[in-house]
PDB file of N, CA and C in Angstrom:
ATOM      1  N   MET A   1     -91.717 -73.502  83.897  1.00  0.00           N
ATOM      2  CA  MET A   1     -92.617 -72.627  83.840  1.00  0.00           C
ATOM      3  C   MET A   1     -93.693 -72.556  85.581  1.00  0.00           C
ATOM      4  N   VAL A   2     -93.415 -73.478  86.260  1.00  0.00           N
ATOM      5  CA  VAL A   2     -93.975 -73.525  87.496  1.00  0.00           C
ATOM      6  C   VAL A   2     -93.045 -74.061  88.168  1.00  0.00           C
ATOM      7  N   ASP A   3     -93.276 -73.029  89.482  1.00  0.00           N
ATOM      8  CA  ASP A   3     -92.470 -73.072  90.517  1.00  0.00           C
ATOM      9  C   ASP A   3     -92.941 -73.209  91.988  1.00  0.00           C
ATOM     10  N   THR A   4     -91.816 -73.807  92.579  1.00  0.00           N
ATOM     11  CA  THR A   4     -92.227 -74.232  94.049  1.00  0.00           C
ATOM     12  C   THR A   4     -91.774 -74.215  95.504  1.00  0.00           C
ATOM     13  N   PRO A   5     -92.267 -73.769  96.323  1.00  0.00           N
ATOM     14  CA  PRO A   5     -91.495 -72.892  97.472  1.00  0.00           C
ATOM     15  C   PRO A   5     -89.991 -73.519  97.068  1.00  0.00           C
ATOM     16  N   GLU A   6     -89.374 -72.775  97.480  1.00  0.00           N
ATOM     17  CA  GLU A   6     -87.520 -73.121  98.012  1.00  0.00           C
ATOM     18  C   GLU A   6     -87.467 -73.754  99.687  1.00  0.00           C
ATOM     19  N   MET A   7     -87.133 -74.798  99.439  1.00  0.00           N
ATOM     20  CA  MET A   7     -86.914 -75.491 100.655  1.00  0.00           C
ATOM     21  C   MET A   7     -85.593 -74.948 101.188  1.00  0.00           C
ATOM     22  N   ASN A   8     -84.487 -74.302 100.585  1.00  0.00           N
ATOM     23  CA  ASN A   8     -83.403 -73.320 101.472  1.00  0.00           C
ATOM     24  C   ASN A   8     -83.106 -72.373 101.171  1.00  0.00           C
ATOM     25  N   TYR A   9     -84.422 -71.687 101.325  1.00  0.00           N
ATOM     26  CA  TYR A   9     -84.563 -70.178 100.724  1.00  0.00           C
ATOM     27  C   TYR A   9     -83.432 -69.007 101.380  1.00  0.00           C
ATOM     28  N   ASN A  10     -82.710 -68.527 100.032  1.00  0.00           N
ATOM     29  CA  ASN A  10     -81.048 -67.600 100.334  1.00  0.00           C
ATOM     30  C   ASN A  10     -80.843 -68.715 101.389  1.00  0.00           C
ATOM     31  N   LYS A  11     -80.243 -69.673 101.762  1.00  0.00           N
ATOM     32  CA  LYS A  11     -79.170 -70.347 102.898  1.00  0.00           C
ATOM     33  C   LYS A  11     -79.922 -70.093 104.023  1.00  0.00           C
ATOM     34  N   GLY A  12     -81.628 -70.085 103.902  1.00  0.00           N
ATOM     35  CA  GLY A  12     -82.174 -69.944 105.673  1.00  0.00           C
ATOM     36  C   GLY A  12     -83.325 -71.229 105.410  1.00  0.00           C
ATOM     37  N   GLY A  13     -84.198 -71.461 106.231  1.00  0.00           N
ATOM     38  CA  GLY A  13     -85.029 -72.094 106.244  1.00  0.00           C
ATOM     39  C   GLY A  13     -86.082 -72.032 104.974  1.00  0.00           C
ATOM     40  N   ALA A  14     -87.067 -73.330 105.021  1.00  0.00           N
ATOM     41  CA  ALA A  14     -87.674 -73.405 103.842  1.00  0.00           C
ATOM     42  C   ALA A  14     -89.003 -72.448 103.898  1.00  0.00           C
ATOM     43  N   GLN A  15     -89.392 -72.283 102.919  1.00  0.00           N
ATOM     44  CA  GLN A  15     -90.198 -71.353 102.560  1.00  0.00           C
ATOM     45  C   GLN A  15     -91.721 -71.528 103.106  1.00  0.00           C
ATOM     46  N   PRO A  16     -92.729 -71.143 103.310  1.00  0.00           N
ATOM     47  CA  PRO A  16     -93.996 -72.037 103.278  1.00  0.00           C
ATOM     48  C   PRO A  16     -94.764 -72.505 102.025  1.00  0.00           C
ATOM     49  N   TYR A  17     -95.016 -73.718 102.662  1.00  0.00           N
ATOM     50  CA  TYR A  17     -95.275 -74.686 101.456  1.00  0.00           C
ATOM     51  C   TYR A  17     -94.602 -75.652 100.991  1.00  0.00           C
ATOM     52  N   ALA A  18     -93.187 -75.210 100.817  1.00  0.00           N
ATOM     53  CA  ALA A  18     -92.107 -76.029 100.469  1.00  0.00           C
ATOM     54  C   ALA A  18     -91.997 -77.553 100.600  1.00  0.00           C
ATOM     55  N   GLU A  19     -92.104 -77.616 102.066  1.00  0.00           N
ATOM     56  CA  GLU A  19     -91.977 -79.040 102.305  1.00  0.00           C
ATOM     57  C   GLU A  19     -93.522 -79.868 102.048  1.00  0.00           C
ATOM     58  N   GLN A  20     -94.530 -79.062 102.134  1.00  0.00           N
ATOM     59  CA  GLN A  20     -95.597 -80.054 101.716  1.00  0.00           C
ATOM     60  C   GLN A  20     -95.689 -80.402 100.089  1.00  0.00           C
ATOM     61  N   ALA A  21     -94.890 -78.904  99.243  1.00  0.00           N
ATOM     62  CA  ALA A  21     -94.761 -79.431  98.184  1.00  0.00           C
ATOM     63  C   ALA A  21     -93.759 -81.010  97.289  1.00  0.00           C
ATOM     64  N   LYS A  22     -92.721 -80.609  98.488  1.00  0.00           N
ATOM     65  CA  LYS A  22     -91.515 -81.727  98.219  1.00  0.00           C
ATOM     66  C   LYS A  22     -92.708 -83.015  98.735  1.00  0.00           C
ATOM     67  N   GLU A  23     -92.882 -83.629  99.183  1.00  0.00           N
ATOM     68  CA  GLU A  23     -93.626 -84.399  99.952  1.00  0.00           C
ATOM     69  C   GLU A  23     -95.075 -84.562  98.999  1.00  0.00           C
ATOM     70  N   TYR A  24     -95.341 -84.241  98.524  1.00  0.00           N
ATOM     71  CA  TYR A  24     -96.405 -84.583  97.553  1.00  0.00           C
ATOM     72  C   TYR A  24     -96.008 -84.735  96.134  1.00  0.00           C
ATOM     73  N   THR A  25     -94.526 -84.242  96.204  1.00  0.00           N
ATOM     74  CA  THR A  25     -94.412 -84.913  94.767  1.00  0.00           C
ATOM     75  C   THR A  25     -93.787 -86.109  95.277  1.00  0.00           C
ATOM     76  N   ILE A  26     -92.761 -86.530  96.034  1.00  0.00           N
ATOM     77  CA  ILE A  26     -92.305 -87.410  96.451  1.00  0.00           C
ATOM     78  C   ILE A  26     -93.381 -88.432  96.521  1.00  0.00           C
ATOM     79  N   ASN A  27     -94.429 -88.293  96.919  1.00  0.00           N
ATOM     80  CA  ASN A  27     -95.333 -89.456  97.137  1.00  0.00           C
ATOM     81  C   ASN A  27     -96.141 -89.619  95.644  1.00  0.00           C
ATOM     82  N   LEU A  28     -96.075 -88.504  95.228  1.00  0.00           N
ATOM     83  CA  LEU A  28     -96.573 -89.078  93.270  1.00  0.00           C
ATOM     84  C   LEU A  28     -95.535 -89.673  92.832  1.00  0.00           C
ATOM     85  N   LEU A  29     -94.401 -89.618  93.010  1.00  0.00           N
ATOM     86  CA  LEU A  29     -93.807 -89.911  92.148  1.00  0.00           C
ATOM     87  C   LEU A  29     -93.087 -92.022  92.315  1.00  0.00           C
ATOM     88  N   THR A  30     -92.971 -91.808  93.760  1.00  0.00           N
ATOM     89  CA  THR A  30     -93.006 -93.386  94.701  1.00  0.00           C
ATOM     90  C   THR A  30     -93.858 -93.547  94.283  1.00  0.00           C
ATOM     91  N   GLU A  31     -95.403 -93.612  94.481  1.00  0.00           N
ATOM     92  CA  GLU A  31     -96.908 -94.766  93.959  1.00  0.00           C
ATOM     93  C   GLU A  31     -97.104 -94.629  92.530  1.00  0.00           C
ATOM     94  N   ALA A  32     -95.968 -93.824  91.494  1.00  0.00           N
ATOM     95  CA  ALA A  32     -96.312 -94.116  90.416  1.00  0.00           C
ATOM     96  C   ALA A  32     -96.106 -95.531  89.134  1.00  0.00           C
ATOM     97  N   LYS A  33     -96.815 -95.976  88.522  1.00  0.00           N
ATOM     98  CA  LYS A  33     -96.503 -96.980  87.765  1.00  0.00           C
ATOM     99  C   LYS A  33     -95.308 -96.336  86.377  1.00  0.00           C
ATOM    100  N   LYS A  34     -95.492 -95.064  85.539  1.00  0.00           N
ATOM    101  CA  LYS A  34     -94.764 -94.556  84.981  1.00  0.00           C
ATOM    102  C   LYS A  34     -94.985 -93.027  84.808  1.00  0.00           C
ATOM    103  N   VAL A  35     -93.381 -92.794  84.862  1.00  0.00           N
ATOM    104  CA  VAL A  35     -93.001 -91.639  84.914  1.00  0.00           C
ATOM    105  C   VAL A  35     -92.810 -91.045  83.549  1.00  0.00           C
ATOM    106  N   GLU A  36     -92.879 -89.987  82.445  1.00  0.00           N
ATOM    107  CA  GLU A  36     -92.198 -89.525  81.844  1.00  0.00           C
ATOM    108  C   GLU A  36     -91.868 -88.001  81.790  1.00  0.00           C
ATOM    109  N   ALA A  37     -90.952 -87.605  80.948  1.00  0.00           N
ATOM    110  CA  ALA A  37     -90.340 -86.314  80.865  1.00  0.00           C
ATOM    111  C   ALA A  37     -90.488 -85.868  79.692  1.00  0.00           C
ATOM    112  N   VAL A  38     -91.367 -84.725  78.939  1.00  0.00           N
ATOM    113  CA  VAL A  38     -91.336 -84.495  77.684  1.00  0.00           C
ATOM    114  C   VAL A  38     -90.944 -83.042  77.415  1.00  0.00           C
ATOM    115  N   PHE A  39     -90.043 -83.149  76.837  1.00  0.00           N
ATOM    116  CA  PHE A  39     -89.542 -81.675  76.238  1.00  0.00           C
ATOM    117  C   PHE A  39     -90.346 -80.549  75.161  1.00  0.00           C
ATOM    118  N   ASP A  40     -89.681 -79.681  75.737  1.00  0.00           N
ATOM    119  CA  ASP A  40     -90.928 -78.690  74.283  1.00  0.00           C
ATOM    120  C   ASP A  40     -89.849 -78.362  73.475  1.00  0.00           C
ATOM    121  N   VAL A  41     -90.308 -77.088  72.807  1.00  0.00           N
ATOM    122  CA  VAL A  41     -89.716 -76.854  71.580  1.00  0.00           C
ATOM    123  C   VAL A  41     -88.047 -75.779  71.588  1.00  0.00           C
ATOM    124  N   GLY A  42     -88.001 -75.700  72.774  1.00  0.00           N
ATOM    125  CA  GLY A  42     -86.820 -74.895  72.970  1.00  0.00           C
ATOM    126  C   GLY A  42     -85.835 -75.316  73.583  1.00  0.00           C
ATOM    127  N   PRO A  43     -84.799 -74.923  74.430  1.00  0.00           N
ATOM    128  CA  PRO A  43     -83.616 -75.267  75.024  1.00  0.00           C
ATOM    129  C   PRO A  43     -84.242 -76.311  76.230  1.00  0.00           C
ATOM    130  N   GLU A  44     -83.535 -77.253  76.257  1.00  0.00           N
ATOM    131  CA  GLU A  44     -84.004 -78.359  77.480  1.00  0.00           C
ATOM    132  C   GLU A  44     -83.506 -78.101  78.804  1.00  0.00           C
ATOM    133  N   THR A  45     -82.492 -76.707  79.139  1.00  0.00           N
ATOM    134  CA  THR A  45     -81.742 -76.567  80.159  1.00  0.00           C
ATOM    135  C   THR A  45     -82.229 -74.972  80.326  1.00  0.00           C
ATOM    136  N   ASP A  46     -82.175 -74.519  81.391  1.00  0.00           N
ATOM    137  CA  ASP A  46     -82.279 -73.155  82.061  1.00  0.00           C
ATOM    138  C   ASP A  46     -80.785 -72.491  82.009  1.00  0.00           C
ATOM    139  N   LYS A  47     -80.328 -71.306  82.655  1.00  0.00           N
ATOM    140  CA  LYS A  47     -79.429 -70.969  82.836  1.00  0.00           C
ATOM    141  C   LYS A  47     -78.607 -71.397  84.051  1.00  0.00           C
ATOM    142  N   TYR A  48     -79.170 -71.695  84.572  1.00  0.00           N
ATOM    143  CA  TYR A  48     -79.211 -72.643  85.927  1.00  0.00           C
ATOM    144  C   TYR A  48     -78.752 -73.907  85.659  1.00  0.00           C
ATOM    145  N   ASP A  49     -78.914 -74.773  84.364  1.00  0.00           N
ATOM    146  CA  ASP A  49     -79.073 -76.514  83.568  1.00  0.00           C
ATOM    147  C   ASP A  49     -79.801 -76.760  84.560  1.00  0.00           C
ATOM    148  N   ARG A  50     -80.775 -76.073  84.883  1.00  0.00           N
ATOM    149  CA  ARG A  50     -82.232 -77.234  85.269  1.00  0.00           C
ATOM    150  C   ARG A  50     -83.145 -77.773  84.545  1.00  0.00           C
ATOM    151  N   LEU A  51     -83.616 -78.710  84.154  1.00  0.00           N
ATOM    152  CA  LEU A  51     -84.310 -79.302  82.988  1.00  0.00           C
ATOM    153  C   LEU A  51     -85.936 -78.695  82.666  1.00  0.00           C
ATOM    154  N   LEU A  52     -86.101 -78.073  81.513  1.00  0.00           N
ATOM    155  CA  LEU A  52     -87.054 -77.991  81.052  1.00  0.00           C
ATOM    156  C   LEU A  52     -88.084 -78.653  80.146  1.00  0.00           C
ATOM    157  N   ALA A  53     -88.703 -79.585  81.155  1.00  0.00           N
ATOM    158  CA  ALA A  53     -89.010 -80.502  80.625  1.00  0.00           C
ATOM    159  C   ALA A  53     -90.714 -81.037  81.699  1.00  0.00           C
ATOM    160  N   TYR A  54     -92.032 -81.216  80.949  1.00  0.00           N
ATOM    161  CA  TYR A  54     -93.040 -81.357  81.295  1.00  0.00           C
ATOM    162  C   TYR A  54     -93.143 -82.878  82.167  1.00  0.00           C
ATOM    163  N   VAL A  55     -93.346 -82.810  82.796  1.00  0.00           N
ATOM    164  CA  VAL A  55     -93.280 -84.516  83.736  1.00  0.00           C
ATOM    165  C   VAL A  55     -94.586 -85.262  83.837  1.00  0.00           C
ATOM    166  N   PHE A  56     -95.318 -85.989  83.259  1.00  0.00           N
ATOM    167  CA  PHE A  56     -95.880 -86.875  83.545  1.00  0.00           C
ATOM    168  C   PHE A  56     -95.792 -88.134  84.352  1.00  0.00           C
ATOM    169  N   VAL A  57     -97.002 -87.981  84.910  1.00  0.00           N
ATOM    170  CA  VAL A  57     -96.729 -89.089  86.260  1.00  0.00           C
ATOM    171  C   VAL A  57     -98.583 -89.994  86.139  1.00  0.00           C
ATOM    172  N   ASP A  58     -98.151 -91.094  85.524  1.00  0.00           N
ATOM    173  CA  ASP A  58     -99.146 -92.207  85.393  1.00  0.00           C
ATOM    174  C   ASP A  58    -100.214 -91.169  84.696  1.00  0.00           C
ATOM    175  N   GLY A  59     -99.715 -90.521  83.151  1.00  0.00           N
ATOM    176  CA  GLY A  59    -100.563 -89.728  82.631  1.00  0.00           C
ATOM    177  C   GLY A  59    -100.954 -88.367  82.826  1.00  0.00           C
ATOM    178  N   VAL A  60    -100.842 -87.992  84.028  1.00  0.00           N
ATOM    179  CA  VAL A  60    -101.199 -86.660  84.522  1.00  0.00           C
ATOM    180  C   VAL A  60    -100.076 -86.375  84.592  1.00  0.00           C
ATOM    181  N   LEU A  61    -100.220 -84.550  83.937  1.00  0.00           N
ATOM    182  CA  LEU A  61     -98.889 -83.720  84.304  1.00  0.00           C
ATOM    183  C   LEU A  61     -98.799 -83.095  85.545  1.00  0.00           C
ATOM    184  N   LEU A  62     -97.111 -83.424  86.149  1.00  0.00           N
ATOM    185  CA  LEU A  62     -97.191 -83.216  87.717  1.00  0.00           C
ATOM    186  C   LEU A  62     -97.138 -81.636  87.668  1.00  0.00           C
ATOM    187  N   GLN A  63     -97.148 -80.863  86.435  1.00  0.00           N
ATOM    188  CA  GLN A  63     -97.383 -79.408  86.841  1.00  0.00           C
ATOM    189  C   GLN A  63     -98.656 -79.105  87.030  1.00  0.00           C
ATOM    190  N   GLU A  64     -99.031 -79.621  86.635  1.00  0.00           N
ATOM    191  CA  GLU A  64    -100.981 -79.380  86.690  1.00  0.00           C
ATOM    192  C   GLU A  64    -101.496 -79.436  88.146  1.00  0.00           C
ATOM    193  N   SER A  65    -100.986 -80.849  88.272  1.00  0.00           N
ATOM    194  CA  SER A  65    -101.418 -81.246  89.763  1.00  0.00           C
ATOM    195  C   SER A  65    -100.626 -80.477  90.765  1.00  0.00           C
ATOM    196  N   LEU A  66     -99.578 -80.063  90.629  1.00  0.00           N
ATOM    197  CA  LEU A  66     -98.987 -79.270  91.679  1.00  0.00           C
ATOM    198  C   LEU A  66    -100.227 -77.546  92.248  1.00  0.00           C
ATOM    199  N   LEU A  67     -99.987 -77.121  90.843  1.00  0.00           N
ATOM    200  CA  LEU A  67    -100.616 -75.785  90.278  1.00  0.00           C
ATOM    201  C   LEU A  67    -102.215 -76.093  90.986  1.00  0.00           C
ATOM    202  N   LYS A  68    -103.248 -77.340  91.029  1.00  0.00           N
ATOM    203  CA  LYS A  68    -104.245 -77.361  91.262  1.00  0.00           C
ATOM    204  C   LYS A  68    -104.309 -77.605  93.344  1.00  0.00           C
ATOM    205  N   GLU A  69    -103.393 -78.155  93.428  1.00  0.00           N
ATOM    206  CA  GLU A  69    -103.080 -78.222  95.098  1.00  0.00           C
ATOM    207  C   GLU A  69    -102.654 -76.863  95.747  1.00  0.00           C
ATOM    208  N   GLY A  70    -102.417 -76.242  94.417  1.00  0.00           N
ATOM    209  CA  GLY A  70    -102.134 -74.632  95.778  1.00  0.00           C
ATOM    210  C   GLY A  70    -100.653 -74.597  96.317  1.00  0.00           C
ATOM    211  N   LEU A  71    -100.025 -75.798  95.470  1.00  0.00           N
ATOM    212  CA  LEU A  71     -98.014 -75.788  96.009  1.00  0.00           C
ATOM    213  C   LEU A  71     -97.408 -75.258  94.943  1.00  0.00           C
ATOM    214  N   ALA A  72     -97.331 -74.765  93.909  1.00  0.00           N
ATOM    215  CA  ALA A  72     -97.357 -73.929  93.055  1.00  0.00           C
ATOM    216  C   ALA A  72     -97.684 -72.789  91.958  1.00  0.00           C
ATOM    217  N   ILE A  73     -96.678 -72.124  91.446  1.00  0.00           N
ATOM    218  CA  ILE A  73     -97.448 -71.331  90.763  1.00  0.00           C
ATOM    219  C   ILE A  73     -96.321 -70.739  89.584  1.00  0.00           C
ATOM    220  N   VAL A  74     -97.190 -70.024  88.739  1.00  0.00           N
ATOM    221  CA  VAL A  74     -96.546 -70.044  87.166  1.00  0.00           C
ATOM    222  C   VAL A  74     -96.044 -68.720  87.060  1.00  0.00           C
ATOM    223  N   ARG A  75     -94.898 -68.669  86.848  1.00  0.00           N
ATOM    224  CA  ARG A  75     -93.622 -67.647  86.478  1.00  0.00           C
ATOM    225  C   ARG A  75     -92.166 -68.142  85.603  1.00  0.00           C
ATOM    226  N   TYR A  76     -91.526 -67.440  86.154  1.00  0.00           N
ATOM    227  CA  TYR A  76     -90.158 -68.274  85.095  1.00  0.00           C
ATOM    228  C   TYR A  76     -90.541 -68.321  83.384  1.00  0.00           C
ATOM    229  N   ILE A  77     -91.286 -67.681  82.876  1.00  0.00           N
ATOM    230  CA  ILE A  77     -91.540 -68.361  81.464  1.00  0.00           C
ATOM    231  C   ILE A  77     -90.436 -68.147  80.625  1.00  0.00           C
ATOM    232  N   HIS A  78     -89.591 -69.344  79.660  1.00  0.00           N
ATOM    233  CA  HIS A  78     -88.896 -69.777  78.997  1.00  0.00           C
ATOM    234  C   HIS A  78     -89.166 -69.679  77.355  1.00  0.00           C
ATOM    235  N   LYS A  79     -89.862 -68.802  77.051  1.00  0.00           N
ATOM    236  CA  LYS A  79     -90.012 -69.029  75.515  1.00  0.00           C
ATOM    237  C   LYS A  79     -89.094 -69.561  74.395  1.00  0.00           C
ATOM    238  N   PRO A  80     -89.673 -70.382  73.810  1.00  0.00           N
ATOM    239  CA  PRO A  80     -90.305 -70.946  73.050  1.00  0.00           C
ATOM    240  C   PRO A  80     -90.638 -72.079  74.000  1.00  0.00           C
ATOM    241  N   ASN A  81     -90.202 -72.597  75.585  1.00  0.00           N
ATOM    242  CA  ASN A  81     -90.595 -73.499  76.379  1.00  0.00           C
ATOM    243  C   ASN A  81     -92.076 -73.193  77.049  1.00  0.00           C
ATOM    244  N   ASN A  82     -93.073 -72.949  76.208  1.00  0.00           N
ATOM    245  CA  ASN A  82     -94.148 -72.421  77.262  1.00  0.00           C
ATOM    246  C   ASN A  82     -95.849 -72.815  75.941  1.00  0.00           C
ATOM    247  N   THR A  83     -95.455 -73.917  76.167  1.00  0.00           N
ATOM    248  CA  THR A  83     -96.631 -74.636  75.032  1.00  0.00           C
ATOM    249  C   THR A  83     -98.166 -74.671  76.491  1.00  0.00           C
ATOM    250  N   PHE A  84     -97.847 -75.275  77.758  1.00  0.00           N
ATOM    251  CA  PHE A  84     -98.686 -75.153  78.161  1.00  0.00           C
ATOM    252  C   PHE A  84     -99.023 -73.767  79.271  1.00  0.00           C
ATOM    253  N   GLU A  85     -98.835 -72.632  78.731  1.00  0.00           N
ATOM    254  CA  GLU A  85     -98.549 -71.390  79.780  1.00  0.00           C
ATOM    255  C   GLU A  85     -99.793 -71.161  79.823  1.00  0.00           C
ATOM    256  N   ASP A  86    -100.868 -71.038  78.701  1.00  0.00           N
ATOM    257  CA  ASP A  86    -102.067 -70.726  79.067  1.00  0.00           C
ATOM    258  C   ASP A  86    -102.938 -71.612  79.807  1.00  0.00           C
ATOM    259  N   ALA A  87    -103.117 -72.871  79.895  1.00  0.00           N
ATOM    260  CA  ALA A  87    -103.341 -73.597  80.530  1.00  0.00           C
ATOM    261  C   ALA A  87    -103.123 -73.544  82.062  1.00  0.00           C
ATOM    262  N   PHE A  88    -101.674 -73.274  82.106  1.00  0.00           N
ATOM    263  CA  PHE A  88    -101.579 -73.612  83.544  1.00  0.00           C
ATOM    264  C   PHE A  88    -101.723 -72.041  84.524  1.00  0.00           C
ATOM    265  N   ARG A  89    -101.936 -71.078  83.482  1.00  0.00           N
ATOM    266  CA  ARG A  89    -102.563 -69.666  83.881  1.00  0.00           C
ATOM    267  C   ARG A  89    -104.199 -69.917  84.521  1.00  0.00           C
ATOM    268  N   ASP A  90    -104.602 -70.588  83.624  1.00  0.00           N
ATOM    269  CA  ASP A  90    -105.977 -70.953  83.766  1.00  0.00           C
ATOM    270  C   ASP A  90    -106.339 -71.432  84.916  1.00  0.00           C
ATOM    271  N   ILE A  91    -105.334 -72.426  85.331  1.00  0.00           N
ATOM    272  CA  ILE A  91    -105.398 -73.295  86.783  1.00  0.00           C
ATOM    273  C   ILE A  91    -105.891 -71.994  87.869  1.00  0.00           C
TER     274      ILE A  91
END
């Protein structure tokens, strides 16, 4: 549900803010004391075999942090895996 800019968009260069989103995420995960992945009620992967999980970094939802920083947007909703959709859209 939360999408960051692509690093290798259409086999070209990175989209705007892709590098910042990557660095922000790496920094959070590197400094974290605890990282948890929590699955929603639907399938655990999408059609590209990517995990559909909520990631908590020291108790804070990573997706929420990326949205608040302006490094991600809400799209590609995979119902019923949309428990936090309204909260994410509010951000």
